[in-house]
N, C-alpha and C. Protein backbone atom coordinates (compact mmCIF):
# COMPACT_ATOMS: atom_id res chain seq x y z
N MET A 1 -24.07 7.29 14.51
CA MET A 1 -24.98 7.00 13.74
C MET A 1 -23.71 6.33 12.81
N ASN A 2 -23.67 4.84 12.55
CA ASN A 2 -22.24 5.03 11.61
C ASN A 2 -22.79 5.34 9.86
N ASN A 3 -22.32 5.42 9.31
CA ASN A 3 -22.37 6.04 7.87
C ASN A 3 -21.83 5.11 6.74
N ARG A 4 -20.65 4.11 7.12
CA ARG A 4 -19.96 3.13 6.49
C ARG A 4 -19.86 1.96 7.08
N ARG A 5 -19.16 1.19 6.39
CA ARG A 5 -18.29 -0.35 6.25
C ARG A 5 -17.26 0.47 6.41
N LEU A 6 -16.04 -0.41 7.61
CA LEU A 6 -15.00 -0.02 8.06
C LEU A 6 -13.79 -0.72 7.03
N ARG A 7 -12.58 0.04 6.38
CA ARG A 7 -12.17 -0.05 5.32
C ARG A 7 -11.07 -0.37 5.41
N ILE A 8 -10.17 -1.93 5.16
CA ILE A 8 -8.51 -2.35 5.72
C ILE A 8 -8.23 -2.43 4.06
N VAL A 9 -7.05 -2.02 4.24
CA VAL A 9 -5.82 -1.80 3.81
C VAL A 9 -4.79 -2.81 3.65
N GLY A 10 -4.14 -4.05 3.19
CA GLY A 10 -3.06 -4.49 3.08
C GLY A 10 -1.85 -4.50 2.18
N ILE A 11 -0.60 -4.13 2.71
CA ILE A 11 0.30 -3.43 1.86
C ILE A 11 1.58 -4.72 2.17
N GLY A 12 1.97 -5.08 0.97
CA GLY A 12 2.65 -6.11 1.45
C GLY A 12 3.22 -6.54 0.03
N GLY A 13 4.06 -7.99 0.34
CA GLY A 13 4.95 -8.75 -1.00
C GLY A 13 5.88 -8.07 -0.84
N THR A 14 7.00 -9.17 -1.74
CA THR A 14 8.37 -8.67 -1.94
C THR A 14 8.31 -8.42 -3.55
N LEU A 15 9.16 -8.63 -4.19
CA LEU A 15 9.50 -9.01 -5.51
C LEU A 15 10.19 -10.14 -6.08
N ARG A 16 9.29 -11.04 -5.44
CA ARG A 16 9.57 -12.53 -6.15
C ARG A 16 8.39 -13.21 -5.71
N GLU A 17 8.07 -14.82 -6.18
CA GLU A 17 7.47 -15.30 -6.60
C GLU A 17 7.04 -15.96 -4.92
N GLY A 18 5.90 -16.52 -4.48
CA GLY A 18 6.11 -16.79 -3.79
C GLY A 18 6.36 -16.38 -1.92
N SER A 19 6.03 -14.83 -2.24
CA SER A 19 6.01 -14.31 -1.10
C SER A 19 5.38 -14.67 0.49
N THR A 20 6.30 -14.89 1.31
CA THR A 20 5.74 -15.52 2.43
C THR A 20 5.17 -14.00 3.07
N SER A 21 5.52 -13.23 3.09
CA SER A 21 5.08 -11.64 3.75
C SER A 21 4.03 -12.17 2.97
N LEU A 22 3.70 -11.60 1.57
CA LEU A 22 2.26 -11.82 1.42
C LEU A 22 1.27 -12.74 2.00
N GLY A 23 1.95 -14.05 1.92
CA GLY A 23 1.25 -14.90 2.01
C GLY A 23 0.32 -14.69 3.73
N ALA A 24 1.09 -14.15 4.76
CA ALA A 24 0.84 -14.13 5.85
C ALA A 24 0.25 -12.41 5.85
N LEU A 25 0.50 -11.79 5.05
CA LEU A 25 -0.84 -10.22 4.64
C LEU A 25 -2.25 -11.17 4.48
N ARG A 26 -2.08 -11.93 3.64
CA ARG A 26 -3.24 -12.46 2.95
C ARG A 26 -4.21 -13.19 4.38
N TRP A 27 -3.59 -13.84 4.66
CA TRP A 27 -4.23 -14.65 5.95
C TRP A 27 -4.78 -13.27 7.38
N ALA A 28 -4.05 -12.49 7.06
CA ALA A 28 -4.73 -11.74 8.32
C ALA A 28 -5.59 -10.39 7.83
N LEU A 29 -5.12 -10.87 6.16
CA LEU A 29 -6.62 -10.15 6.05
C LEU A 29 -7.68 -10.37 5.36
N THR A 30 -7.63 -11.46 5.39
CA THR A 30 -9.06 -12.72 5.11
C THR A 30 -9.84 -12.50 6.74
N ALA A 31 -8.92 -12.49 8.00
CA ALA A 31 -8.91 -12.14 9.28
C ALA A 31 -10.41 -10.92 9.45
N ALA A 32 -9.47 -10.14 8.82
CA ALA A 32 -10.26 -8.98 8.83
C ALA A 32 -11.28 -8.66 8.09
N LYS A 33 -11.69 -9.43 7.07
CA LYS A 33 -13.05 -9.50 5.99
C LYS A 33 -13.92 -10.33 6.92
N GLU A 34 -13.75 -11.30 7.45
CA GLU A 34 -14.55 -12.08 8.18
C GLU A 34 -14.94 -11.69 9.60
N ALA A 35 -14.09 -10.56 9.92
CA ALA A 35 -14.80 -9.51 10.86
C ALA A 35 -15.69 -8.24 10.45
N GLY A 36 -15.54 -8.24 9.22
CA GLY A 36 -17.07 -7.49 8.85
C GLY A 36 -16.88 -6.05 7.99
N ALA A 37 -15.19 -6.10 7.55
CA ALA A 37 -14.86 -4.52 7.21
C ALA A 37 -14.25 -5.18 5.26
N ASP A 38 -14.66 -4.09 4.98
CA ASP A 38 -14.14 -4.32 3.60
C ASP A 38 -12.54 -3.85 3.25
N THR A 39 -12.22 -4.75 2.44
CA THR A 39 -10.39 -4.97 2.48
C THR A 39 -9.90 -4.82 0.81
N GLU A 40 -8.99 -4.38 0.94
CA GLU A 40 -8.32 -4.35 -0.29
C GLU A 40 -6.82 -4.58 -0.03
N LEU A 41 -6.25 -5.74 -1.18
CA LEU A 41 -4.63 -5.93 -1.49
C LEU A 41 -3.97 -5.25 -2.53
N LEU A 42 -3.13 -4.77 -1.62
CA LEU A 42 -2.15 -3.94 -2.33
C LEU A 42 -0.71 -5.15 -2.39
N ASP A 43 -0.32 -5.90 -3.12
CA ASP A 43 0.74 -6.65 -3.64
C ASP A 43 1.53 -5.65 -3.92
N LEU A 44 2.77 -5.70 -3.49
CA LEU A 44 3.87 -4.52 -4.10
C LEU A 44 4.28 -5.03 -5.41
N GLN A 45 5.03 -6.41 -5.44
CA GLN A 45 5.45 -6.92 -6.99
C GLN A 45 4.12 -6.96 -8.16
N GLU A 46 3.08 -6.95 -8.07
CA GLU A 46 1.92 -6.45 -8.25
C GLU A 46 1.83 -4.98 -9.27
N LEU A 47 2.16 -4.13 -7.83
CA LEU A 47 2.27 -2.26 -8.37
C LEU A 47 3.53 -2.18 -8.96
N ASN A 48 4.35 -2.88 -8.37
CA ASN A 48 5.83 -2.69 -8.96
C ASN A 48 6.25 -0.60 -8.91
N LEU A 49 5.90 -0.40 -8.32
CA LEU A 49 5.98 1.05 -7.61
C LEU A 49 7.85 1.47 -7.99
N PRO A 50 7.87 2.94 -9.11
CA PRO A 50 9.01 3.30 -9.31
C PRO A 50 9.52 3.41 -7.54
N MET A 51 11.03 4.64 -7.57
CA MET A 51 11.63 4.86 -6.56
C MET A 51 10.78 6.25 -6.42
N TYR A 52 10.63 6.24 -5.01
CA TYR A 52 9.89 7.91 -4.47
C TYR A 52 11.11 8.64 -5.00
N GLU A 53 10.66 9.73 -5.90
CA GLU A 53 11.53 10.73 -5.71
C GLU A 53 10.96 11.70 -5.16
N PRO A 54 11.83 12.49 -3.72
CA PRO A 54 11.41 14.23 -3.50
C PRO A 54 11.38 14.99 -4.55
N GLY A 55 9.77 16.06 -4.23
CA GLY A 55 9.61 16.49 -5.49
C GLY A 55 9.04 16.23 -6.59
N ARG A 56 9.50 15.28 -7.12
CA ARG A 56 8.55 14.81 -8.18
C ARG A 56 7.08 14.80 -8.25
N ALA A 57 6.00 15.55 -9.06
CA ALA A 57 4.65 15.44 -8.32
C ALA A 57 4.12 14.18 -8.42
N LEU A 58 3.28 14.03 -8.11
CA LEU A 58 2.56 12.30 -8.11
C LEU A 58 2.03 12.51 -9.70
N GLN A 59 1.16 13.25 -10.35
CA GLN A 59 1.33 12.83 -11.52
C GLN A 59 1.84 12.66 -12.80
N GLU A 60 2.99 13.03 -12.18
CA GLU A 60 4.80 12.28 -13.09
C GLU A 60 4.64 11.29 -13.51
N TYR A 61 3.95 10.51 -11.76
CA TYR A 61 4.55 8.77 -12.13
C TYR A 61 3.51 7.55 -12.50
N GLU A 62 3.65 7.06 -13.05
CA GLU A 62 2.36 5.78 -13.44
C GLU A 62 1.97 5.70 -12.69
N PRO A 63 0.59 5.68 -13.26
CA PRO A 63 -1.03 5.33 -12.59
C PRO A 63 -0.76 4.56 -11.00
N GLU A 64 0.12 3.50 -11.17
CA GLU A 64 -0.11 2.65 -9.96
C GLU A 64 -0.21 3.55 -8.92
N ALA A 65 0.93 4.37 -9.14
CA ALA A 65 1.56 5.36 -7.86
C ALA A 65 0.19 5.90 -7.63
N GLU A 66 -0.14 6.83 -8.37
CA GLU A 66 -1.71 7.66 -7.74
C GLU A 66 -2.70 6.72 -6.96
N GLN A 67 -2.70 5.17 -7.18
CA GLN A 67 -3.76 4.37 -6.79
C GLN A 67 -3.17 3.98 -5.50
N PHE A 68 -1.54 3.56 -5.48
CA PHE A 68 -1.46 3.26 -3.59
C PHE A 68 -1.56 3.84 -3.03
N VAL A 69 -1.71 5.44 -3.65
CA VAL A 69 -1.65 6.79 -2.44
C VAL A 69 -3.36 6.43 -2.21
N GLU A 70 -4.03 6.47 -3.51
CA GLU A 70 -5.63 6.89 -2.93
C GLU A 70 -5.85 5.85 -2.68
N ALA A 71 -5.39 4.87 -2.64
CA ALA A 71 -6.15 3.56 -1.24
C ALA A 71 -5.48 3.28 -0.14
N LEU A 72 -4.42 4.41 0.32
CA LEU A 72 -4.07 4.49 1.69
C LEU A 72 -4.83 5.57 2.04
N ARG A 73 -4.70 6.42 1.27
CA ARG A 73 -5.78 7.66 1.85
C ARG A 73 -7.19 7.38 2.00
N GLY A 74 -7.92 6.45 1.41
CA GLY A 74 -8.71 6.41 1.73
C GLY A 74 -9.18 4.33 2.58
N ALA A 75 -8.23 4.25 3.53
CA ALA A 75 -8.07 3.26 4.09
C ALA A 75 -8.22 3.68 5.56
N ASP A 76 -9.38 3.01 6.53
CA ASP A 76 -9.58 3.31 7.97
C ASP A 76 -8.75 2.52 9.03
N ALA A 77 -7.97 1.45 8.35
CA ALA A 77 -6.75 0.67 9.21
C ALA A 77 -6.13 0.13 8.03
N VAL A 78 -4.87 -0.20 8.23
CA VAL A 78 -3.63 -0.77 7.55
C VAL A 78 -3.46 -1.83 7.82
N LEU A 79 -3.16 -2.81 7.60
CA LEU A 79 -2.16 -4.27 7.58
C LEU A 79 -1.11 -4.01 6.91
N LEU A 80 0.63 -3.62 7.88
CA LEU A 80 1.29 -3.84 6.56
C LEU A 80 2.53 -4.82 6.95
N SER A 81 2.79 -5.44 5.76
CA SER A 81 3.72 -6.76 5.94
C SER A 81 4.86 -6.88 5.20
N THR A 82 5.97 -7.31 5.72
CA THR A 82 7.46 -6.88 5.13
C THR A 82 8.05 -8.51 5.31
N ALA A 83 8.90 -8.79 4.22
CA ALA A 83 9.78 -9.48 4.28
C ALA A 83 11.38 -8.57 5.16
N ALA A 84 12.35 -9.64 5.72
CA ALA A 84 13.29 -8.56 7.09
C ALA A 84 14.27 -9.18 6.11
N TYR A 85 14.53 -7.84 5.88
CA TYR A 85 16.13 -7.99 4.86
C TYR A 85 17.03 -7.58 5.68
N HIS A 86 18.73 -8.48 5.95
CA HIS A 86 19.67 -7.78 6.42
C HIS A 86 19.28 -6.59 7.77
N GLY A 87 18.41 -7.09 8.35
CA GLY A 87 18.06 -7.07 9.58
C GLY A 87 17.12 -5.84 10.01
N THR A 88 16.38 -5.84 8.96
CA THR A 88 15.63 -4.27 8.56
C THR A 88 14.17 -5.02 7.90
N LEU A 89 13.32 -4.16 7.58
CA LEU A 89 12.08 -4.13 6.41
C LEU A 89 12.80 -4.10 5.15
N ALA A 90 12.26 -4.35 4.16
CA ALA A 90 12.62 -5.22 2.75
C ALA A 90 12.74 -3.61 1.91
N GLY A 91 13.41 -3.29 1.19
CA GLY A 91 13.39 -1.97 0.21
C GLY A 91 12.16 -1.66 -0.32
N VAL A 92 11.35 -2.52 -1.34
CA VAL A 92 10.35 -2.07 -1.76
C VAL A 92 9.45 -2.11 -0.50
N THR A 93 9.27 -2.35 0.67
CA THR A 93 8.03 -2.28 1.88
C THR A 93 7.95 -0.47 2.00
N LYS A 94 9.85 0.08 2.30
CA LYS A 94 9.71 1.18 2.55
C LYS A 94 9.66 2.63 1.65
N ASN A 95 9.58 1.70 0.29
CA ASN A 95 10.11 2.80 -0.61
C ASN A 95 8.22 2.93 -0.85
N ALA A 96 7.51 2.32 -0.58
CA ALA A 96 6.04 2.23 -0.48
C ALA A 96 5.38 3.11 0.38
N LEU A 97 6.44 3.28 1.52
CA LEU A 97 6.08 3.54 2.85
C LEU A 97 5.98 5.47 2.48
N ASP A 98 6.98 5.90 2.13
CA ASP A 98 7.65 7.00 1.48
C ASP A 98 7.00 7.50 0.55
N PHE A 99 5.84 6.92 -0.29
CA PHE A 99 4.98 7.52 -1.20
C PHE A 99 3.88 8.25 -0.19
N ALA A 100 3.51 8.16 0.90
CA ALA A 100 2.84 8.73 2.05
C ALA A 100 3.29 9.85 2.14
N GLN A 101 4.48 10.59 1.28
CA GLN A 101 4.44 12.08 1.55
C GLN A 101 3.75 12.54 1.04
N PHE A 102 3.25 12.19 -0.31
CA PHE A 102 1.69 12.82 -1.18
C PHE A 102 0.67 13.05 0.13
N MET A 103 0.42 12.53 1.28
CA MET A 103 -0.59 12.95 2.14
C MET A 103 -0.46 13.49 2.75
N ALA A 104 1.32 14.48 3.02
CA ALA A 104 1.76 15.24 4.22
C ALA A 104 0.78 16.11 4.49
N ARG A 105 0.10 16.91 3.28
CA ARG A 105 -1.07 18.37 3.62
C ARG A 105 -2.72 17.74 3.64
N ASP A 106 -2.51 16.62 3.80
CA ASP A 106 -3.96 16.11 4.10
C ASP A 106 -4.80 16.93 5.30
N GLU A 107 -6.24 16.74 5.45
CA GLU A 107 -6.54 17.42 6.62
C GLU A 107 -6.12 16.39 7.59
N GLU A 108 -6.20 14.84 7.56
CA GLU A 108 -5.86 14.10 8.32
C GLU A 108 -4.27 13.64 7.73
N PRO A 109 -2.98 14.15 8.49
CA PRO A 109 -1.79 13.87 7.52
C PRO A 109 -1.14 12.51 7.42
N TYR A 110 -1.11 12.12 6.39
CA TYR A 110 0.23 10.30 6.33
C TYR A 110 -0.82 9.48 7.01
N LEU A 111 -0.43 8.70 8.19
CA LEU A 111 -1.75 7.76 8.79
C LEU A 111 -2.04 8.47 9.68
N GLN A 112 -2.39 9.24 9.79
CA GLN A 112 -2.94 9.99 11.35
C GLN A 112 -4.40 9.57 11.53
N ASP A 113 -4.75 8.65 12.81
CA ASP A 113 -5.96 8.25 13.21
C ASP A 113 -5.96 7.11 12.52
N LYS A 114 -5.24 6.38 12.20
CA LYS A 114 -4.86 4.66 11.11
C LYS A 114 -4.36 3.93 12.12
N VAL A 115 -5.16 3.05 12.23
CA VAL A 115 -4.45 1.68 13.24
C VAL A 115 -3.81 0.82 12.24
N VAL A 116 -2.79 0.61 12.37
CA VAL A 116 -1.25 0.06 11.50
C VAL A 116 -1.03 -1.71 12.27
N GLY A 117 -1.29 -2.15 11.59
CA GLY A 117 -1.13 -3.60 12.24
C GLY A 117 0.31 -4.36 11.15
N LEU A 118 1.28 -4.36 11.65
CA LEU A 118 2.09 -5.52 11.23
C LEU A 118 3.20 -6.50 11.42
N ILE A 119 3.25 -7.13 10.63
CA ILE A 119 3.85 -8.57 10.06
C ILE A 119 5.18 -8.39 9.57
N ALA A 120 6.13 -9.57 9.71
CA ALA A 120 7.84 -9.41 9.39
C ALA A 120 7.29 -10.82 9.17
N THR A 121 8.32 -11.38 7.92
CA THR A 121 8.56 -13.01 8.23
C THR A 121 10.08 -13.29 7.45
N ALA A 122 10.63 -14.35 8.50
CA ALA A 122 12.12 -13.88 8.04
C ALA A 122 12.77 -15.64 7.76
N GLY A 123 13.81 -15.17 7.49
CA GLY A 123 14.47 -16.68 7.20
C GLY A 123 15.84 -16.70 8.45
N GLY A 124 15.59 -16.07 9.18
CA GLY A 124 16.34 -16.53 10.64
C GLY A 124 15.44 -16.33 11.78
N ASP A 125 16.15 -16.15 12.93
CA ASP A 125 14.91 -16.45 13.92
C ASP A 125 14.82 -14.83 14.97
N LEU A 126 15.66 -13.77 14.38
CA LEU A 126 16.02 -12.53 15.36
C LEU A 126 15.22 -11.51 13.95
N ALA A 127 15.68 -11.83 13.08
CA ALA A 127 15.20 -10.33 11.76
C ALA A 127 14.10 -9.62 11.73
N GLY A 128 12.67 -10.78 12.17
CA GLY A 128 11.62 -10.70 11.59
C GLY A 128 11.29 -9.46 12.87
N ALA A 129 11.99 -9.70 13.63
CA ALA A 129 11.69 -8.43 15.31
C ALA A 129 12.12 -7.63 14.77
N ASN A 130 13.33 -7.40 13.82
CA ASN A 130 14.09 -6.19 14.16
C ASN A 130 13.04 -5.23 12.92
N ALA A 131 12.95 -5.73 11.97
CA ALA A 131 12.09 -5.74 10.82
C ALA A 131 10.73 -4.89 11.74
N VAL A 132 10.64 -5.23 12.54
CA VAL A 132 8.69 -5.04 13.13
C VAL A 132 9.30 -3.88 13.61
N ALA A 133 10.35 -3.38 14.17
CA ALA A 133 10.76 -2.42 15.33
C ALA A 133 10.96 -1.41 14.27
N ALA A 134 11.79 -1.66 13.30
CA ALA A 134 11.68 -0.85 11.83
C ALA A 134 10.47 -0.02 11.12
N MET A 135 9.79 -1.16 11.54
CA MET A 135 8.24 -0.94 10.95
C MET A 135 7.74 0.31 12.00
N VAL A 136 7.67 -0.28 13.18
CA VAL A 136 7.09 1.16 14.41
C VAL A 136 7.38 2.30 14.56
N HIS A 137 8.73 2.11 14.02
CA HIS A 137 9.50 3.82 13.77
C HIS A 137 8.84 4.33 12.77
N ALA A 138 8.76 4.08 11.70
CA ALA A 138 8.15 4.52 10.65
C ALA A 138 6.67 4.79 10.62
N VAL A 139 6.16 4.09 11.06
CA VAL A 139 4.66 4.51 11.31
C VAL A 139 4.49 5.22 12.01
N HIS A 140 5.28 5.37 13.26
CA HIS A 140 5.35 6.37 14.48
C HIS A 140 5.18 8.19 13.32
N ALA A 141 6.32 7.90 13.18
CA ALA A 141 6.84 9.15 11.85
C ALA A 141 5.57 9.57 11.03
N LEU A 142 4.79 9.02 10.55
CA LEU A 142 3.68 9.09 9.58
C LEU A 142 2.29 8.96 10.42
N ARG A 143 2.52 8.96 11.94
CA ARG A 143 1.38 9.28 13.01
C ARG A 143 0.46 8.20 13.18
N GLY A 144 0.68 6.89 12.23
CA GLY A 144 -0.34 5.81 12.49
C GLY A 144 0.08 5.04 14.11
N THR A 145 -0.74 4.43 14.16
CA THR A 145 -0.87 4.04 15.71
C THR A 145 -1.28 2.70 15.36
N VAL A 146 0.37 2.00 15.95
CA VAL A 146 0.88 0.74 15.73
C VAL A 146 -0.11 -0.07 16.45
N ALA A 147 -0.96 -1.40 16.19
CA ALA A 147 -1.34 -1.97 17.09
C ALA A 147 -0.32 -3.17 18.08
N PRO A 148 -0.90 -3.35 19.71
CA PRO A 148 0.12 -3.47 20.82
C PRO A 148 0.30 -5.41 20.17
N LEU A 149 -0.28 -5.82 19.23
CA LEU A 149 0.01 -6.81 18.45
C LEU A 149 0.80 -7.26 17.26
N THR A 150 1.71 -7.24 17.25
CA THR A 150 2.51 -7.60 16.10
C THR A 150 2.64 -9.44 15.61
N VAL A 151 2.78 -9.09 14.58
CA VAL A 151 3.28 -11.23 13.89
C VAL A 151 4.76 -10.84 13.27
N ALA A 152 5.98 -11.24 13.76
CA ALA A 152 7.15 -11.81 13.44
C ALA A 152 7.32 -13.34 13.15
N ILE A 153 7.31 -13.62 12.03
CA ILE A 153 7.43 -15.27 12.16
C ILE A 153 8.68 -15.67 11.25
N PRO A 154 9.73 -16.14 12.45
CA PRO A 154 10.73 -16.68 11.74
C PRO A 154 11.21 -17.61 11.43
N GLN A 155 12.21 -18.22 10.23
CA GLN A 155 12.03 -19.37 9.49
C GLN A 155 11.11 -19.68 9.03
N ALA A 156 10.43 -18.34 8.06
CA ALA A 156 9.23 -18.51 7.53
C ALA A 156 9.07 -19.31 6.23
N TRP A 157 10.34 -19.92 5.66
CA TRP A 157 10.39 -20.94 4.79
C TRP A 157 9.23 -22.63 6.03
N LYS A 158 10.09 -22.55 6.98
CA LYS A 158 9.24 -23.68 7.37
C LYS A 158 7.89 -23.31 8.00
N GLN A 159 7.37 -22.25 7.88
CA GLN A 159 6.00 -22.12 8.19
C GLN A 159 5.01 -21.85 6.84
N ALA A 160 5.64 -22.11 6.14
CA ALA A 160 4.52 -21.79 5.02
C ALA A 160 4.77 -22.76 3.75
N ASN A 161 3.86 -23.08 2.60
CA ASN A 161 3.89 -23.81 1.84
C ASN A 161 4.60 -23.15 0.72
N GLY A 162 5.08 -23.96 -0.87
CA GLY A 162 5.50 -23.16 -1.77
C GLY A 162 5.01 -22.10 -2.80
N ASP A 163 3.82 -21.79 -2.18
CA ASP A 163 3.07 -20.75 -2.69
C ASP A 163 3.23 -18.99 -1.94
N GLY A 164 3.48 -19.19 -0.60
CA GLY A 164 3.70 -18.79 0.10
C GLY A 164 3.03 -18.38 1.53
N ASP A 165 1.58 -19.43 0.85
CA ASP A 165 0.64 -18.96 2.08
C ASP A 165 1.17 -19.83 3.80
N ILE A 166 1.02 -19.56 4.37
CA ILE A 166 1.30 -19.66 5.89
C ILE A 166 0.57 -20.89 5.98
N SER A 167 1.33 -22.17 6.71
CA SER A 167 0.77 -23.35 7.13
C SER A 167 0.83 -23.94 8.35
N ASP A 168 1.49 -23.16 9.28
CA ASP A 168 1.81 -23.10 10.67
C ASP A 168 0.39 -22.51 11.20
N LYS A 169 -0.15 -23.79 12.07
CA LYS A 169 -1.22 -23.36 12.89
C LYS A 169 -1.40 -22.21 13.77
N GLY A 170 -0.04 -22.18 14.30
CA GLY A 170 0.17 -21.30 16.13
C GLY A 170 -0.28 -19.69 14.64
N TYR A 171 1.11 -19.62 14.17
CA TYR A 171 1.03 -18.33 13.49
C TYR A 171 -0.07 -17.75 12.88
N GLY A 172 -0.73 -18.92 12.02
CA GLY A 172 -2.02 -18.26 11.87
C GLY A 172 -3.00 -18.11 12.61
N GLU A 173 -3.07 -19.02 13.78
CA GLU A 173 -3.64 -18.42 15.02
C GLU A 173 -3.51 -16.52 15.22
N ARG A 174 -2.31 -16.41 14.95
CA ARG A 174 -1.63 -15.40 15.73
C ARG A 174 -2.14 -14.15 14.16
N LEU A 175 -2.35 -14.70 13.44
CA LEU A 175 -1.99 -13.36 12.18
C LEU A 175 -4.18 -13.07 12.54
N ASP A 176 -4.97 -14.79 12.60
CA ASP A 176 -6.16 -14.18 12.67
C ASP A 176 -6.68 -13.34 14.14
N LYS A 177 -5.47 -13.11 15.05
CA LYS A 177 -6.34 -12.45 16.03
C LYS A 177 -5.40 -11.01 15.73
N LEU A 178 -4.44 -10.88 14.97
CA LEU A 178 -4.24 -9.78 14.28
C LEU A 178 -5.18 -8.66 13.78
N GLY A 179 -5.37 -9.39 12.64
CA GLY A 179 -6.92 -8.94 12.02
C GLY A 179 -8.23 -8.24 12.50
N ARG A 180 -7.98 -9.03 13.39
CA ARG A 180 -9.82 -9.04 14.15
C ARG A 180 -8.92 -7.30 15.37
N LEU A 181 -8.08 -7.61 15.63
CA LEU A 181 -7.68 -7.00 16.50
C LEU A 181 -7.72 -5.26 16.18
N VAL A 182 -7.01 -5.66 14.86
CA VAL A 182 -7.04 -3.72 13.50
C VAL A 182 -8.66 -3.64 13.55
N ILE A 183 -9.12 -4.47 13.04
CA ILE A 183 -10.96 -3.73 13.26
C ILE A 183 -11.03 -3.45 14.37
N GLU A 184 -11.55 -4.07 15.35
CA GLU A 184 -11.36 -3.81 16.60
C GLU A 184 -11.30 -2.26 17.37
N MET A 185 -9.95 -2.26 17.36
CA MET A 185 -9.80 -0.94 17.76
C MET A 185 -9.78 0.19 16.78
N THR A 186 -10.08 0.17 15.32
CA THR A 186 -10.56 0.90 14.43
C THR A 186 -11.93 1.58 14.95
N ALA A 187 -13.04 0.28 14.98
CA ALA A 187 -14.03 0.89 15.15
C ALA A 187 -13.50 1.66 16.37
N ARG A 188 -13.40 1.68 17.53
CA ARG A 188 -13.32 2.10 18.80
C ARG A 188 -12.96 3.82 17.86
N LEU A 189 -11.74 3.66 17.63
CA LEU A 189 -11.01 5.11 17.42
C LEU A 189 -11.80 5.81 16.24
N ARG A 190 -12.66 5.35 15.19
CA ARG A 190 -13.10 6.09 14.69
C ARG A 190 -14.44 5.94 14.75
N PRO A 191 -15.33 6.24 15.00
CA PRO A 191 -16.79 5.70 15.59
C PRO A 191 -17.50 6.27 14.12
N GLU A 192 -17.30 6.63 13.11
CA GLU A 192 -18.57 6.77 12.07
C GLU A 192 -18.12 5.89 10.96
N VAL A 193 -17.44 4.75 11.80
CA VAL A 193 -17.50 3.86 10.52
C VAL A 193 -17.27 2.45 12.13
N GLU A 194 -17.81 1.12 10.94
CA GLU A 194 -18.09 0.21 12.25
C GLU A 194 -17.49 -1.17 11.07
N PRO A 195 -17.40 -2.05 11.36
CA PRO A 195 -16.97 -3.25 10.87
C PRO A 195 -19.10 -3.97 10.93
N GLU A 196 -18.93 -5.15 9.45
CA GLU A 196 -20.34 -5.96 10.06
C GLU A 196 -20.71 -6.09 11.06
N ALA A 197 -19.44 -7.28 11.45
CA ALA A 197 -19.72 -8.46 12.23
C ALA A 197 -19.56 -7.43 14.19
N GLN A 198 -20.46 -7.30 14.53
CA GLN A 198 -20.75 -7.41 16.41
C GLN A 198 -19.90 -7.91 17.27
N SER A 199 -19.44 -9.26 16.79
CA SER A 199 -18.98 -10.41 17.78
C SER A 199 -17.35 -9.93 17.92
N LEU A 200 -16.68 -9.32 17.58
CA LEU A 200 -15.10 -9.21 17.60
C LEU A 200 -14.75 -9.56 18.88
N ARG A 201 -15.11 -9.42 19.95
CA ARG A 201 -14.79 -9.59 21.23
C ARG A 201 -14.67 -10.52 21.42
N ALA A 202 -15.87 -11.51 21.31
CA ALA A 202 -16.45 -12.87 22.14
C ALA A 202 -15.32 -14.04 21.35
N SER A 203 -14.86 -13.17 19.27
CA SER A 203 -14.09 -14.39 18.99
C SER A 203 -12.83 -14.18 18.98
N ALA A 204 -12.30 -13.05 19.83
CA ALA A 204 -10.63 -12.60 20.24
C ALA A 204 -10.36 -13.90 20.79
């Protein structure tokens, strides 16, 4: 018997306006919501997290840091989106993931038993794939389960409008599939929760 609806948290964006990584995340998160999940968007520009400092108590940070950790702790699944900077994930994304250290002593530490969908946008052709690979390593280190479909969007400035929203139909369809896949996998791995919609497989 399921007790509550599945909850997915989207983490992404950079420190500039019109972030394509944030636009791609919004698209995938919308697909997850349409598949029946409760969703929450954590825009890293709006949160403006300080640098993670080992040994510093969570209560010593601004309230945004605790908000971030509690949102991540309460998520059943995660969508993680980054821009590709210099061949790897953006520093703001890596810094946000470092705050998962405050979940180290949880009953389910870090991202254990959470499905994580990965998205990267890049200005060049290969940097997005490199950023996804770096995120795979980070998520595995945090004990998360990476969804087998990842979305790397090259030359993102061609695939999005001025607000960062993805305008390319093909990449939009991949983001739709990723959002649905993360929900479907989570519903199987966490039987205590389920999406409201029951037609995931038919719509994939």
